[in-house]
Amino acid sequence: MENKETYWSENLRIIFICLAIWFVVSFGFGLLLVEPLNAIRLGGYKLGFWFAQQGSIYAFLALVFWYSAKMNTLDKKYDVGS
């Protein structure tokens, strides 16, 4: 029972990290910090606009792959799954 609780707490920690990063990228960079980021250009577009339109999507996709890799490692550590 102790392993299940430890496994679940580590899983929740990984989820909260993913959600925090996604929040910072999508809400923080895309809305709150858009004006300072617009002073920087990326491929001809203002960086604030880029984060609002594309950056949050790329960050989400990166987080999906990162979460998958971390969960595979966690599953092996606790001998969960096949």
C-alpha atoms as a PDB file:
ATOM      1  CA  MET A   1       0.000   0.000   0.000  1.00  0.00           C
ATOM      2  CA  GLU A   2       2.879   2.363   0.744  1.00  0.00           C
ATOM      3  CA  ASN A   3       4.250   1.960  -2.801  1.00  0.00           C
ATOM      4  CA  LYS A   4       0.867   2.885  -4.291  1.00  0.00           C
ATOM      5  CA  GLU A   5       0.714   6.073  -2.251  1.00  0.00           C
ATOM      6  CA  THR A   6       4.289   7.016  -3.106  1.00  0.00           C
ATOM      7  CA  TYR A   7       3.684   6.245  -6.786  1.00  0.00           C
ATOM      8  CA  TRP A   8       0.544   8.374  -6.790  1.00  0.00           C
ATOM      9  CA  SER A   9       2.206  11.279  -4.985  1.00  0.00           C
ATOM     10  CA  GLU A  10       5.079  11.275  -7.494  1.00  0.00           C
ATOM     11  CA  ASN A  11       2.558  11.113 -10.328  1.00  0.00           C
ATOM     12  CA  LEU A  12       0.678  14.114  -8.909  1.00  0.00           C
ATOM     13  CA  ARG A  13       3.941  16.047  -8.556  1.00  0.00           C
ATOM     14  CA  ILE A  14       4.701  15.480 -12.246  1.00  0.00           C
ATOM     15  CA  ILE A  15       1.154  16.534 -13.208  1.00  0.00           C
ATOM     16  CA  PHE A  16       1.378  19.736 -11.147  1.00  0.00           C
ATOM     17  CA  ILE A  17       4.733  20.582 -12.740  1.00  0.00           C
ATOM     18  CA  CYS A  18       3.203  20.131 -16.199  1.00  0.00           C
ATOM     19  CA  LEU A  19       0.189  22.265 -15.324  1.00  0.00           C
ATOM     20  CA  ALA A  20       2.364  25.015 -13.833  1.00  0.00           C
ATOM     21  CA  ILE A  21       4.589  25.166 -16.918  1.00  0.00           C
ATOM     22  CA  TRP A  22       1.594  25.144 -19.242  1.00  0.00           C
ATOM     23  CA  PHE A  23      -0.061  27.932 -17.225  1.00  0.00           C
ATOM     24  CA  VAL A  24       3.062  30.096 -17.285  1.00  0.00           C
ATOM     25  CA  VAL A  25       3.543  29.631 -21.019  1.00  0.00           C
ATOM     26  CA  SER A  26      -0.080  30.028 -22.101  1.00  0.00           C
ATOM     27  CA  PHE A  27      -1.451  32.565 -19.603  1.00  0.00           C
ATOM     28  CA  GLY A  28       1.731  34.236 -18.420  1.00  0.00           C
ATOM     29  CA  PHE A  29       3.573  34.635 -21.715  1.00  0.00           C
ATOM     30  CA  GLY A  30       0.478  34.755 -23.914  1.00  0.00           C
ATOM     31  CA  LEU A  31      -1.522  37.300 -21.894  1.00  0.00           C
ATOM     32  CA  LEU A  32       0.224  38.836 -18.899  1.00  0.00           C
ATOM     33  CA  LEU A  33       3.675  39.421 -20.388  1.00  0.00           C
ATOM     34  CA  VAL A  34       2.564  40.011 -23.973  1.00  0.00           C
ATOM     35  CA  GLU A  35       3.627  43.672 -24.086  1.00  0.00           C
ATOM     36  CA  PRO A  36       7.242  43.170 -22.931  1.00  0.00           C
ATOM     37  CA  LEU A  37       7.566  40.096 -25.155  1.00  0.00           C
ATOM     38  CA  ASN A  38       6.269  41.999 -28.180  1.00  0.00           C
ATOM     39  CA  ALA A  39       9.496  44.016 -28.158  1.00  0.00           C
ATOM     40  CA  ILE A  40      11.266  40.829 -29.311  1.00  0.00           C
ATOM     41  CA  ARG A  41      10.675  39.425 -32.786  1.00  0.00           C
ATOM     42  CA  LEU A  42      10.726  35.750 -33.764  1.00  0.00           C
ATOM     43  CA  GLY A  43      10.617  34.985 -37.476  1.00  0.00           C
ATOM     44  CA  GLY A  44       9.127  38.386 -38.224  1.00  0.00           C
ATOM     45  CA  TYR A  45       6.383  38.079 -35.606  1.00  0.00           C
ATOM     46  CA  LYS A  46       6.204  39.679 -32.205  1.00  0.00           C
ATOM     47  CA  LEU A  47       7.166  37.146 -29.525  1.00  0.00           C
ATOM     48  CA  GLY A  48       4.067  37.849 -27.404  1.00  0.00           C
ATOM     49  CA  PHE A  49       1.833  37.124 -30.383  1.00  0.00           C
ATOM     50  CA  TRP A  50       3.839  33.997 -31.177  1.00  0.00           C
ATOM     51  CA  PHE A  51       3.427  32.639 -27.633  1.00  0.00           C
ATOM     52  CA  ALA A  52      -0.302  33.348 -27.720  1.00  0.00           C
ATOM     53  CA  GLN A  53      -0.782  31.661 -31.093  1.00  0.00           C
ATOM     54  CA  GLN A  54       1.880  28.958 -31.377  1.00  0.00           C
ATOM     55  CA  GLY A  55       4.101  28.833 -28.306  1.00  0.00           C
ATOM     56  CA  SER A  56       1.488  27.477 -25.923  1.00  0.00           C
ATOM     57  CA  ILE A  57       0.657  24.703 -28.388  1.00  0.00           C
ATOM     58  CA  TYR A  58       4.315  23.731 -28.789  1.00  0.00           C
ATOM     59  CA  ALA A  59       4.797  23.849 -25.028  1.00  0.00           C
ATOM     60  CA  PHE A  60       1.761  21.596 -24.566  1.00  0.00           C
ATOM     61  CA  LEU A  61       3.092  19.062 -27.073  1.00  0.00           C
ATOM     62  CA  ALA A  62       6.521  19.095 -25.414  1.00  0.00           C
ATOM     63  CA  LEU A  63       4.864  18.562 -22.030  1.00  0.00           C
ATOM     64  CA  VAL A  64       2.895  15.574 -23.365  1.00  0.00           C
ATOM     65  CA  PHE A  65       6.106  13.864 -24.487  1.00  0.00           C
ATOM     66  CA  TRP A  66       7.943  14.840 -21.289  1.00  0.00           C
ATOM     67  CA  TYR A  67       5.077  13.515 -19.144  1.00  0.00           C
ATOM     68  CA  SER A  68       5.044  10.270 -21.108  1.00  0.00           C
ATOM     69  CA  ALA A  69       8.778   9.768 -20.604  1.00  0.00           C
ATOM     70  CA  LYS A  70       8.577  10.609 -16.888  1.00  0.00           C
ATOM     71  CA  MET A  71       5.647   8.229 -16.385  1.00  0.00           C
ATOM     72  CA  ASN A  72       7.477   5.412 -18.193  1.00  0.00           C
ATOM     73  CA  THR A  73      10.393   5.937 -15.823  1.00  0.00           C
ATOM     74  CA  LEU A  74       8.052   6.060 -12.828  1.00  0.00           C
ATOM     75  CA  ASP A  75       6.239   2.895 -13.960  1.00  0.00           C
ATOM     76  CA  LYS A  76       9.536   1.038 -14.229  1.00  0.00           C
ATOM     77  CA  LYS A  77      10.649   2.340 -10.833  1.00  0.00           C
ATOM     78  CA  TYR A  78       7.513   0.985  -9.126  1.00  0.00           C
ATOM     79  CA  ASP A  79       7.069  -2.025 -11.442  1.00  0.00           C
ATOM     80  CA  VAL A  80       3.653  -0.890 -12.635  1.00  0.00           C
ATOM     81  CA  GLY A  81       2.112  -2.003 -15.901  1.00  0.00           C
ATOM     82  CA  SER A  82       3.439  -4.586 -18.279  1.00  0.00           C
END
